[in-house]
Amino acid sequence: MFGLDWSFLSWDIISKFVMKGLIFSVELTVIATIGGILLGTLLALMRLSGVKVLTLPATFYVNGMRSVPLVMVILWFYLLMPAAFFDMIPGGANNRSEISAIITFIAFEAAYFSEIMRAGIQSISRGQVNAGRALGMTYAQNMRLIVLPQAFRNMVPILLTQTIILFQDTSLVYA
């Protein structure tokens, strides 16, 4: 067709390289989403705590990570992290690039998920929080049983959008 030679494209090449890349991208997306949501929730709670010792480092981290391009964070972590760090992780010396990508994506996406979580938590009316307090719930119980379930429902569309963006960003790991 059109005088082009397509003989280089074979199922063997697709199955060895393309499918391997797709599987890694999906794995990286799932791991980074779960880790990013967990770390992001912790950062969001730190930012909302009102305690300066917690608020300032969390704010610095979130604003710092969101202001640096992802490809720079990937390169910095891969190039500046000493090899001894990867030797401590089982199988880390052989999989340095994969482990580096996983840690980088969790750390980077946690900043974005933190802002989503913070906005979701702040979207819950004060009346809901006060109702939990009136029932005698502690702060942790109030968050776990009243605020976070409602906030999570509000956050689902934005979390899904951020996860799709994360999947697209996995293509930067080639660097």
N, C-alpha and C. Protein backbone atom coordinates (compact mmCIF):
# COMPACT_ATOMS: atom_id res chain seq x y z
N MET A 1 0.84 -1.17 0.00
CA MET A 1 0.00 0.00 0.00
C MET A 1 0.89 1.24 0.00
N PHE A 2 0.73 2.09 -0.95
CA PHE A 2 1.48 3.34 -1.12
C PHE A 2 2.99 3.14 -1.20
N GLY A 3 3.42 1.96 -1.53
CA GLY A 3 4.83 1.68 -1.67
C GLY A 3 5.59 1.62 -0.35
N LEU A 4 4.88 1.47 0.75
CA LEU A 4 5.54 1.39 2.06
C LEU A 4 5.79 -0.06 2.43
N ASP A 5 6.91 -0.30 3.09
CA ASP A 5 7.26 -1.65 3.54
C ASP A 5 6.84 -1.80 5.00
N TRP A 6 5.84 -2.60 5.26
CA TRP A 6 5.32 -2.82 6.60
C TRP A 6 5.85 -4.13 7.20
N SER A 7 6.88 -4.69 6.64
CA SER A 7 7.38 -5.98 7.11
C SER A 7 7.99 -5.91 8.52
N PHE A 8 8.38 -4.71 8.94
CA PHE A 8 8.96 -4.58 10.28
C PHE A 8 7.91 -4.74 11.37
N LEU A 9 6.65 -4.57 11.01
CA LEU A 9 5.57 -4.65 11.98
C LEU A 9 5.03 -6.07 12.02
N SER A 10 5.36 -6.77 13.08
CA SER A 10 4.90 -8.15 13.21
C SER A 10 4.30 -8.35 14.60
N TRP A 11 3.52 -9.42 14.73
CA TRP A 11 2.91 -9.71 16.02
C TRP A 11 3.97 -9.97 17.09
N ASP A 12 5.11 -10.51 16.68
CA ASP A 12 6.18 -10.78 17.63
C ASP A 12 6.67 -9.48 18.27
N ILE A 13 6.85 -8.45 17.46
CA ILE A 13 7.29 -7.15 17.98
C ILE A 13 6.20 -6.53 18.85
N ILE A 14 4.96 -6.60 18.40
CA ILE A 14 3.86 -6.03 19.17
C ILE A 14 3.72 -6.72 20.52
N SER A 15 3.77 -8.04 20.52
CA SER A 15 3.58 -8.78 21.78
C SER A 15 4.74 -8.57 22.74
N LYS A 16 5.96 -8.38 22.23
CA LYS A 16 7.11 -8.22 23.11
C LYS A 16 7.24 -6.81 23.65
N PHE A 17 6.97 -5.81 22.85
CA PHE A 17 7.26 -4.44 23.25
C PHE A 17 6.02 -3.61 23.52
N VAL A 18 5.10 -3.59 22.58
CA VAL A 18 3.91 -2.74 22.73
C VAL A 18 3.04 -3.22 23.87
N MET A 19 2.75 -4.51 23.92
CA MET A 19 1.91 -5.03 24.99
C MET A 19 2.60 -4.91 26.35
N LYS A 20 3.91 -5.10 26.37
CA LYS A 20 4.65 -4.94 27.62
C LYS A 20 4.54 -3.51 28.13
N GLY A 21 4.64 -2.54 27.23
CA GLY A 21 4.50 -1.13 27.59
C GLY A 21 3.09 -0.80 28.06
N LEU A 22 2.09 -1.35 27.41
CA LEU A 22 0.70 -1.12 27.81
C LEU A 22 0.44 -1.68 29.21
N ILE A 23 0.90 -2.89 29.45
CA ILE A 23 0.71 -3.52 30.76
C ILE A 23 1.41 -2.71 31.84
N PHE A 24 2.64 -2.24 31.58
CA PHE A 24 3.35 -1.43 32.56
C PHE A 24 2.61 -0.12 32.82
N SER A 25 2.08 0.50 31.76
CA SER A 25 1.34 1.75 31.93
C SER A 25 0.11 1.56 32.80
N VAL A 26 -0.62 0.48 32.58
CA VAL A 26 -1.81 0.20 33.38
C VAL A 26 -1.42 -0.09 34.83
N GLU A 27 -0.38 -0.90 35.03
CA GLU A 27 0.08 -1.20 36.39
C GLU A 27 0.52 0.07 37.11
N LEU A 28 1.30 0.91 36.42
CA LEU A 28 1.78 2.15 37.01
C LEU A 28 0.61 3.07 37.36
N THR A 29 -0.39 3.12 36.49
CA THR A 29 -1.57 3.95 36.75
C THR A 29 -2.31 3.48 37.99
N VAL A 30 -2.54 2.18 38.11
CA VAL A 30 -3.28 1.65 39.26
C VAL A 30 -2.50 1.88 40.55
N ILE A 31 -1.21 1.56 40.55
CA ILE A 31 -0.40 1.72 41.76
C ILE A 31 -0.29 3.19 42.16
N ALA A 32 -0.04 4.06 41.18
CA ALA A 32 0.11 5.49 41.48
C ALA A 32 -1.21 6.11 41.91
N THR A 33 -2.32 5.63 41.38
CA THR A 33 -3.62 6.16 41.80
C THR A 33 -3.90 5.78 43.25
N ILE A 34 -3.72 4.53 43.59
CA ILE A 34 -3.97 4.09 44.97
C ILE A 34 -3.02 4.79 45.94
N GLY A 35 -1.73 4.78 45.63
CA GLY A 35 -0.75 5.44 46.50
C GLY A 35 -0.96 6.94 46.57
N GLY A 36 -1.30 7.55 45.43
CA GLY A 36 -1.53 8.99 45.39
C GLY A 36 -2.75 9.40 46.19
N ILE A 37 -3.81 8.59 46.12
CA ILE A 37 -5.02 8.91 46.89
C ILE A 37 -4.73 8.78 48.39
N LEU A 38 -4.02 7.73 48.79
CA LEU A 38 -3.71 7.56 50.21
C LEU A 38 -2.83 8.70 50.74
N LEU A 39 -1.73 8.97 50.05
CA LEU A 39 -0.84 10.05 50.46
C LEU A 39 -1.52 11.41 50.31
N GLY A 40 -2.31 11.57 49.26
CA GLY A 40 -3.03 12.83 49.04
C GLY A 40 -4.05 13.10 50.12
N THR A 41 -4.73 12.06 50.59
CA THR A 41 -5.69 12.24 51.68
C THR A 41 -4.96 12.68 52.95
N LEU A 42 -3.82 12.06 53.22
CA LEU A 42 -3.03 12.45 54.39
C LEU A 42 -2.59 13.91 54.28
N LEU A 43 -2.11 14.31 53.11
CA LEU A 43 -1.69 15.70 52.90
C LEU A 43 -2.86 16.66 53.03
N ALA A 44 -4.02 16.27 52.50
CA ALA A 44 -5.21 17.13 52.60
C ALA A 44 -5.62 17.31 54.06
N LEU A 45 -5.60 16.23 54.82
CA LEU A 45 -5.95 16.33 56.24
C LEU A 45 -4.94 17.19 57.00
N MET A 46 -3.67 17.09 56.61
CA MET A 46 -2.64 17.94 57.22
C MET A 46 -2.91 19.41 56.92
N ARG A 47 -3.28 19.69 55.68
CA ARG A 47 -3.54 21.08 55.29
C ARG A 47 -4.78 21.64 55.97
N LEU A 48 -5.75 20.79 56.22
CA LEU A 48 -7.00 21.25 56.84
C LEU A 48 -6.95 21.23 58.37
N SER A 49 -5.87 20.72 58.94
CA SER A 49 -5.80 20.56 60.40
C SER A 49 -5.77 21.88 61.15
N GLY A 50 -5.20 22.91 60.56
CA GLY A 50 -5.08 24.19 61.25
C GLY A 50 -3.86 24.27 62.15
N VAL A 51 -3.10 23.18 62.25
CA VAL A 51 -1.87 23.16 63.06
C VAL A 51 -0.72 23.54 62.13
N LYS A 52 -0.04 24.64 62.47
CA LYS A 52 1.01 25.15 61.58
C LYS A 52 2.11 24.14 61.30
N VAL A 53 2.46 23.32 62.28
CA VAL A 53 3.52 22.33 62.11
C VAL A 53 3.13 21.32 61.02
N LEU A 54 1.86 21.06 60.84
CA LEU A 54 1.39 20.15 59.80
C LEU A 54 1.03 20.90 58.52
N THR A 55 0.43 22.05 58.65
CA THR A 55 -0.07 22.80 57.49
C THR A 55 1.06 23.29 56.59
N LEU A 56 2.09 23.88 57.18
CA LEU A 56 3.16 24.47 56.37
C LEU A 56 3.92 23.46 55.52
N PRO A 57 4.38 22.33 56.08
CA PRO A 57 5.09 21.37 55.22
C PRO A 57 4.19 20.79 54.13
N ALA A 58 2.92 20.52 54.47
CA ALA A 58 2.00 19.97 53.47
C ALA A 58 1.74 20.98 52.36
N THR A 59 1.56 22.24 52.72
CA THR A 59 1.34 23.29 51.71
C THR A 59 2.57 23.47 50.84
N PHE A 60 3.74 23.47 51.46
CA PHE A 60 5.00 23.60 50.70
C PHE A 60 5.15 22.43 49.73
N TYR A 61 4.88 21.22 50.19
CA TYR A 61 5.01 20.02 49.35
C TYR A 61 4.03 20.08 48.17
N VAL A 62 2.77 20.36 48.45
CA VAL A 62 1.75 20.36 47.40
C VAL A 62 2.04 21.44 46.37
N ASN A 63 2.29 22.65 46.82
CA ASN A 63 2.56 23.74 45.89
C ASN A 63 3.87 23.53 45.13
N GLY A 64 4.86 22.96 45.81
CA GLY A 64 6.13 22.68 45.14
C GLY A 64 6.00 21.63 44.06
N MET A 65 5.33 20.53 44.37
CA MET A 65 5.18 19.45 43.38
C MET A 65 4.31 19.88 42.20
N ARG A 66 3.30 20.67 42.46
CA ARG A 66 2.41 21.09 41.38
C ARG A 66 3.05 22.13 40.46
N SER A 67 4.14 22.76 40.91
CA SER A 67 4.76 23.80 40.10
C SER A 67 5.92 23.28 39.25
N VAL A 68 6.28 22.01 39.41
CA VAL A 68 7.40 21.44 38.65
C VAL A 68 6.84 20.45 37.62
N PRO A 69 7.33 20.50 36.39
CA PRO A 69 6.84 19.53 35.38
C PRO A 69 7.19 18.09 35.77
N LEU A 70 6.29 17.18 35.45
CA LEU A 70 6.47 15.77 35.82
C LEU A 70 7.74 15.18 35.25
N VAL A 71 8.09 15.51 34.03
CA VAL A 71 9.29 14.92 33.42
C VAL A 71 10.54 15.33 34.20
N MET A 72 10.54 16.54 34.78
CA MET A 72 11.68 16.97 35.59
C MET A 72 11.74 16.16 36.89
N VAL A 73 10.60 15.89 37.50
CA VAL A 73 10.58 15.11 38.74
C VAL A 73 11.06 13.69 38.46
N ILE A 74 10.63 13.12 37.33
CA ILE A 74 11.07 11.77 36.96
C ILE A 74 12.59 11.74 36.80
N LEU A 75 13.13 12.69 36.07
CA LEU A 75 14.57 12.72 35.84
C LEU A 75 15.34 12.99 37.13
N TRP A 76 14.86 13.93 37.94
CA TRP A 76 15.55 14.22 39.20
C TRP A 76 15.60 12.99 40.08
N PHE A 77 14.47 12.32 40.23
CA PHE A 77 14.45 11.17 41.13
C PHE A 77 15.34 10.06 40.61
N TYR A 78 15.27 9.80 39.31
CA TYR A 78 16.05 8.70 38.74
C TYR A 78 17.55 9.00 38.79
N LEU A 79 17.93 10.23 38.49
CA LEU A 79 19.35 10.56 38.39
C LEU A 79 19.98 10.93 39.73
N LEU A 80 19.21 11.51 40.64
CA LEU A 80 19.79 11.99 41.88
C LEU A 80 19.65 11.03 43.06
N MET A 81 18.79 10.02 42.92
CA MET A 81 18.63 9.05 44.01
C MET A 81 19.81 8.10 43.98
N PRO A 82 20.51 7.94 45.09
CA PRO A 82 21.68 7.06 45.09
C PRO A 82 21.30 5.60 44.87
N ALA A 83 22.20 4.86 44.29
CA ALA A 83 21.96 3.45 44.01
C ALA A 83 21.75 2.65 45.28
N ALA A 84 22.31 3.12 46.39
CA ALA A 84 22.14 2.42 47.67
C ALA A 84 20.67 2.37 48.08
N PHE A 85 19.90 3.40 47.70
CA PHE A 85 18.47 3.40 48.01
C PHE A 85 17.77 2.23 47.32
N PHE A 86 18.11 1.99 46.08
CA PHE A 86 17.47 0.91 45.33
C PHE A 86 17.96 -0.47 45.78
N ASP A 87 19.17 -0.52 46.33
CA ASP A 87 19.70 -1.79 46.84
C ASP A 87 18.95 -2.25 48.09
N MET A 88 18.36 -1.31 48.83
CA MET A 88 17.60 -1.65 50.03
C MET A 88 16.26 -2.32 49.70
N ILE A 89 15.75 -2.06 48.50
CA ILE A 89 14.46 -2.61 48.09
C ILE A 89 14.71 -3.98 47.45
N PRO A 90 13.95 -5.01 47.84
CA PRO A 90 14.15 -6.33 47.22
C PRO A 90 13.94 -6.27 45.70
N GLY A 91 14.95 -6.67 44.95
CA GLY A 91 14.88 -6.63 43.49
C GLY A 91 15.03 -5.23 42.92
N GLY A 92 15.37 -4.27 43.76
CA GLY A 92 15.44 -2.88 43.34
C GLY A 92 16.59 -2.56 42.42
N ALA A 93 17.71 -3.25 42.60
CA ALA A 93 18.88 -2.98 41.77
C ALA A 93 18.61 -3.33 40.31
N ASN A 94 17.80 -4.37 40.08
CA ASN A 94 17.50 -4.79 38.71
C ASN A 94 16.37 -3.99 38.08
N ASN A 95 15.50 -3.41 38.91
CA ASN A 95 14.32 -2.69 38.42
C ASN A 95 14.35 -1.23 38.81
N ARG A 96 15.50 -0.61 38.73
CA ARG A 96 15.64 0.77 39.19
C ARG A 96 14.69 1.72 38.46
N SER A 97 14.57 1.59 37.17
CA SER A 97 13.72 2.53 36.43
C SER A 97 12.25 2.35 36.78
N GLU A 98 11.80 1.11 36.96
CA GLU A 98 10.39 0.88 37.28
C GLU A 98 10.07 1.38 38.68
N ILE A 99 10.92 1.07 39.65
CA ILE A 99 10.69 1.52 41.02
C ILE A 99 10.76 3.04 41.10
N SER A 100 11.69 3.62 40.39
CA SER A 100 11.82 5.07 40.34
C SER A 100 10.54 5.70 39.78
N ALA A 101 10.00 5.11 38.72
CA ALA A 101 8.77 5.64 38.13
C ALA A 101 7.59 5.52 39.09
N ILE A 102 7.49 4.41 39.78
CA ILE A 102 6.38 4.21 40.72
C ILE A 102 6.44 5.23 41.85
N ILE A 103 7.61 5.38 42.46
CA ILE A 103 7.75 6.33 43.57
C ILE A 103 7.50 7.75 43.10
N THR A 104 8.04 8.10 41.94
CA THR A 104 7.86 9.44 41.40
C THR A 104 6.41 9.74 41.13
N PHE A 105 5.70 8.82 40.51
CA PHE A 105 4.31 9.06 40.18
C PHE A 105 3.44 9.15 41.43
N ILE A 106 3.69 8.31 42.42
CA ILE A 106 2.93 8.40 43.67
C ILE A 106 3.17 9.77 44.32
N ALA A 107 4.42 10.18 44.41
CA ALA A 107 4.75 11.46 45.05
C ALA A 107 4.17 12.64 44.27
N PHE A 108 4.24 12.58 42.95
CA PHE A 108 3.75 13.69 42.13
C PHE A 108 2.23 13.76 42.15
N GLU A 109 1.58 12.62 41.96
CA GLU A 109 0.12 12.61 41.90
C GLU A 109 -0.50 12.88 43.26
N ALA A 110 0.21 12.59 44.35
CA ALA A 110 -0.33 12.86 45.68
C ALA A 110 -0.63 14.35 45.85
N ALA A 111 0.18 15.21 45.24
CA ALA A 111 -0.07 16.65 45.34
C ALA A 111 -1.39 17.02 44.66
N TYR A 112 -1.66 16.44 43.51
CA TYR A 112 -2.91 16.73 42.80
C TYR A 112 -4.10 16.09 43.51
N PHE A 113 -3.95 14.85 43.94
CA PHE A 113 -5.03 14.20 44.67
C PHE A 113 -5.29 14.91 46.00
N SER A 114 -4.28 15.49 46.60
CA SER A 114 -4.45 16.23 47.84
C SER A 114 -5.39 17.41 47.63
N GLU A 115 -5.19 18.14 46.56
CA GLU A 115 -6.06 19.28 46.28
C GLU A 115 -7.49 18.83 46.00
N ILE A 116 -7.64 17.70 45.32
CA ILE A 116 -8.98 17.16 45.06
C ILE A 116 -9.64 16.77 46.38
N MET A 117 -8.89 16.10 47.24
CA MET A 117 -9.43 15.67 48.54
C MET A 117 -9.77 16.88 49.40
N ARG A 118 -8.92 17.86 49.42
CA ARG A 118 -9.16 19.05 50.24
C ARG A 118 -10.42 19.76 49.78
N ALA A 119 -10.57 19.92 48.48
CA ALA A 119 -11.78 20.56 47.95
C ALA A 119 -13.02 19.73 48.24
N GLY A 120 -12.89 18.42 48.14
CA GLY A 120 -14.04 17.55 48.43
C GLY A 120 -14.45 17.62 49.89
N ILE A 121 -13.46 17.64 50.78
CA ILE A 121 -13.76 17.73 52.21
C ILE A 121 -14.39 19.08 52.54
N GLN A 122 -13.88 20.14 51.93
CA GLN A 122 -14.43 21.46 52.18
C GLN A 122 -15.81 21.65 51.56
N SER A 123 -16.19 20.76 50.61
CA SER A 123 -17.51 20.89 50.00
C SER A 123 -18.63 20.39 50.91
N ILE A 124 -18.30 19.66 51.95
CA ILE A 124 -19.30 19.16 52.89
C ILE A 124 -19.70 20.30 53.83
N SER A 125 -21.00 20.49 54.01
CA SER A 125 -21.48 21.61 54.81
C SER A 125 -21.08 21.46 56.27
N ARG A 126 -20.93 22.58 56.93
CA ARG A 126 -20.55 22.59 58.34
C ARG A 126 -21.62 21.91 59.18
N GLY A 127 -22.84 21.93 58.72
CA GLY A 127 -23.92 21.29 59.46
C GLY A 127 -23.70 19.79 59.62
N GLN A 128 -23.14 19.15 58.60
CA GLN A 128 -22.84 17.72 58.68
C GLN A 128 -21.76 17.45 59.73
N VAL A 129 -20.76 18.29 59.74
CA VAL A 129 -19.67 18.15 60.72
C VAL A 129 -20.20 18.40 62.13
N ASN A 130 -21.01 19.43 62.28
CA ASN A 130 -21.56 19.74 63.60
C ASN A 130 -22.52 18.66 64.08
N ALA A 131 -23.22 18.00 63.16
CA ALA A 131 -24.11 16.91 63.54
C ALA A 131 -23.29 15.75 64.11
N GLY A 132 -22.17 15.45 63.51
CA GLY A 132 -21.29 14.41 64.04
C GLY A 132 -20.76 14.76 65.41
N ARG A 133 -20.39 16.02 65.60
CA ARG A 133 -19.92 16.46 66.91
C ARG A 133 -21.04 16.35 67.95
N ALA A 134 -22.25 16.71 67.54
CA ALA A 134 -23.39 16.64 68.45
C ALA A 134 -23.66 15.21 68.90
N LEU A 135 -23.35 14.25 68.05
CA LEU A 135 -23.52 12.84 68.41
C LEU A 135 -22.39 12.33 69.30
N GLY A 136 -21.39 13.18 69.55
CA GLY A 136 -20.29 12.79 70.42
C GLY A 136 -19.14 12.10 69.71
N MET A 137 -19.09 12.23 68.40
CA MET A 137 -18.01 11.59 67.64
C MET A 137 -16.71 12.38 67.78
N THR A 138 -15.61 11.66 67.77
CA THR A 138 -14.31 12.31 67.75
C THR A 138 -14.06 12.84 66.34
N TYR A 139 -12.98 13.62 66.20
CA TYR A 139 -12.64 14.16 64.89
C TYR A 139 -12.41 13.03 63.88
N ALA A 140 -11.67 12.01 64.29
CA ALA A 140 -11.38 10.89 63.38
C ALA A 140 -12.65 10.14 62.99
N GLN A 141 -13.53 9.90 63.96
CA GLN A 141 -14.79 9.21 63.64
C GLN A 141 -15.64 10.07 62.72
N ASN A 142 -15.69 11.34 62.98
CA ASN A 142 -16.47 12.27 62.15
C ASN A 142 -15.96 12.26 60.71
N MET A 143 -14.66 12.31 60.56
CA MET A 143 -14.08 12.27 59.21
C MET A 143 -14.36 10.95 58.52
N ARG A 144 -14.11 9.85 59.23
CA ARG A 144 -14.24 8.52 58.64
C ARG A 144 -15.68 8.15 58.33
N LEU A 145 -16.61 8.51 59.20
CA LEU A 145 -17.99 8.04 59.05
C LEU A 145 -18.93 9.04 58.39
N ILE A 146 -18.65 10.32 58.47
CA ILE A 146 -19.58 11.32 57.94
C ILE A 146 -18.99 12.10 56.77
N VAL A 147 -17.84 12.72 56.98
CA VAL A 147 -17.31 13.66 55.99
C VAL A 147 -16.73 12.95 54.76
N LEU A 148 -15.78 12.02 54.98
CA LEU A 148 -15.09 11.40 53.84
C LEU A 148 -16.02 10.61 52.91
N PRO A 149 -17.01 9.84 53.41
CA PRO A 149 -17.90 9.16 52.45
C PRO A 149 -18.67 10.13 51.55
N GLN A 150 -19.15 11.22 52.13
CA GLN A 150 -19.87 12.21 51.32
C GLN A 150 -18.92 12.95 50.38
N ALA A 151 -17.75 13.29 50.89
CA ALA A 151 -16.77 14.00 50.06
C ALA A 151 -16.30 13.11 48.92
N PHE A 152 -16.10 11.82 49.20
CA PHE A 152 -15.63 10.91 48.15
C PHE A 152 -16.64 10.84 47.00
N ARG A 153 -17.91 10.83 47.34
CA ARG A 153 -18.94 10.80 46.29
C ARG A 153 -18.85 12.06 45.42
N ASN A 154 -18.57 13.20 46.03
CA ASN A 154 -18.41 14.44 45.27
C ASN A 154 -17.13 14.44 44.42
N MET A 155 -16.12 13.70 44.88
CA MET A 155 -14.81 13.72 44.22
C MET A 155 -14.66 12.71 43.10
N VAL A 156 -15.54 11.73 42.99
CA VAL A 156 -15.36 10.63 42.04
C VAL A 156 -15.11 11.13 40.61
N PRO A 157 -15.91 12.07 40.08
CA PRO A 157 -15.63 12.51 38.69
C PRO A 157 -14.25 13.14 38.51
N ILE A 158 -13.83 13.93 39.47
CA ILE A 158 -12.53 14.60 39.36
C ILE A 158 -11.41 13.58 39.54
N LEU A 159 -11.59 12.63 40.45
CA LEU A 159 -10.58 11.58 40.63
C LEU A 159 -10.42 10.75 39.37
N LEU A 160 -11.53 10.45 38.71
CA LEU A 160 -11.47 9.70 37.45
C LEU A 160 -10.74 10.49 36.38
N THR A 161 -11.02 11.78 36.29
CA THR A 161 -10.33 12.63 35.32
C THR A 161 -8.83 12.67 35.60
N GLN A 162 -8.45 12.81 36.87
CA GLN A 162 -7.03 12.84 37.22
C GLN A 162 -6.36 11.51 36.93
N THR A 163 -7.09 10.40 37.12
CA THR A 163 -6.54 9.08 36.81
C THR A 163 -6.30 8.93 35.32
N ILE A 164 -7.19 9.45 34.50
CA ILE A 164 -7.00 9.41 33.04
C ILE A 164 -5.78 10.24 32.65
N ILE A 165 -5.62 11.40 33.26
CA ILE A 165 -4.45 12.24 32.99
C ILE A 165 -3.18 11.49 33.42
N LEU A 166 -3.25 10.81 34.56
CA LEU A 166 -2.12 10.01 35.04
C LEU A 166 -1.75 8.92 34.04
N PHE A 167 -2.76 8.24 33.49
CA PHE A 167 -2.48 7.21 32.49
C PHE A 167 -1.79 7.80 31.27
N GLN A 168 -2.21 8.97 30.86
CA GLN A 168 -1.57 9.62 29.72
C GLN A 168 -0.13 10.03 30.06
N ASP A 169 0.08 10.44 31.31
CA ASP A 169 1.42 10.87 31.72
C ASP A 169 2.41 9.73 31.84
N THR A 170 1.92 8.50 31.91
CA THR A 170 2.85 7.35 32.02
C THR A 170 3.75 7.26 30.80
N SER A 171 3.36 7.89 29.71
CA SER A 171 4.22 7.86 28.52
C SER A 171 5.54 8.61 28.76
N LEU A 172 5.58 9.45 29.78
CA LEU A 172 6.82 10.20 30.07
C LEU A 172 7.90 9.34 30.70
N VAL A 173 7.56 8.12 31.12
CA VAL A 173 8.54 7.26 31.77
C VAL A 173 9.65 6.86 30.80
N TYR A 174 9.41 6.97 29.50
CA TYR A 174 10.47 6.63 28.53
C TYR A 174 11.72 7.44 28.78
N ALA A 175 11.55 8.63 29.36
CA ALA A 175 12.71 9.51 29.61
C ALA A 175 13.65 8.87 30.61
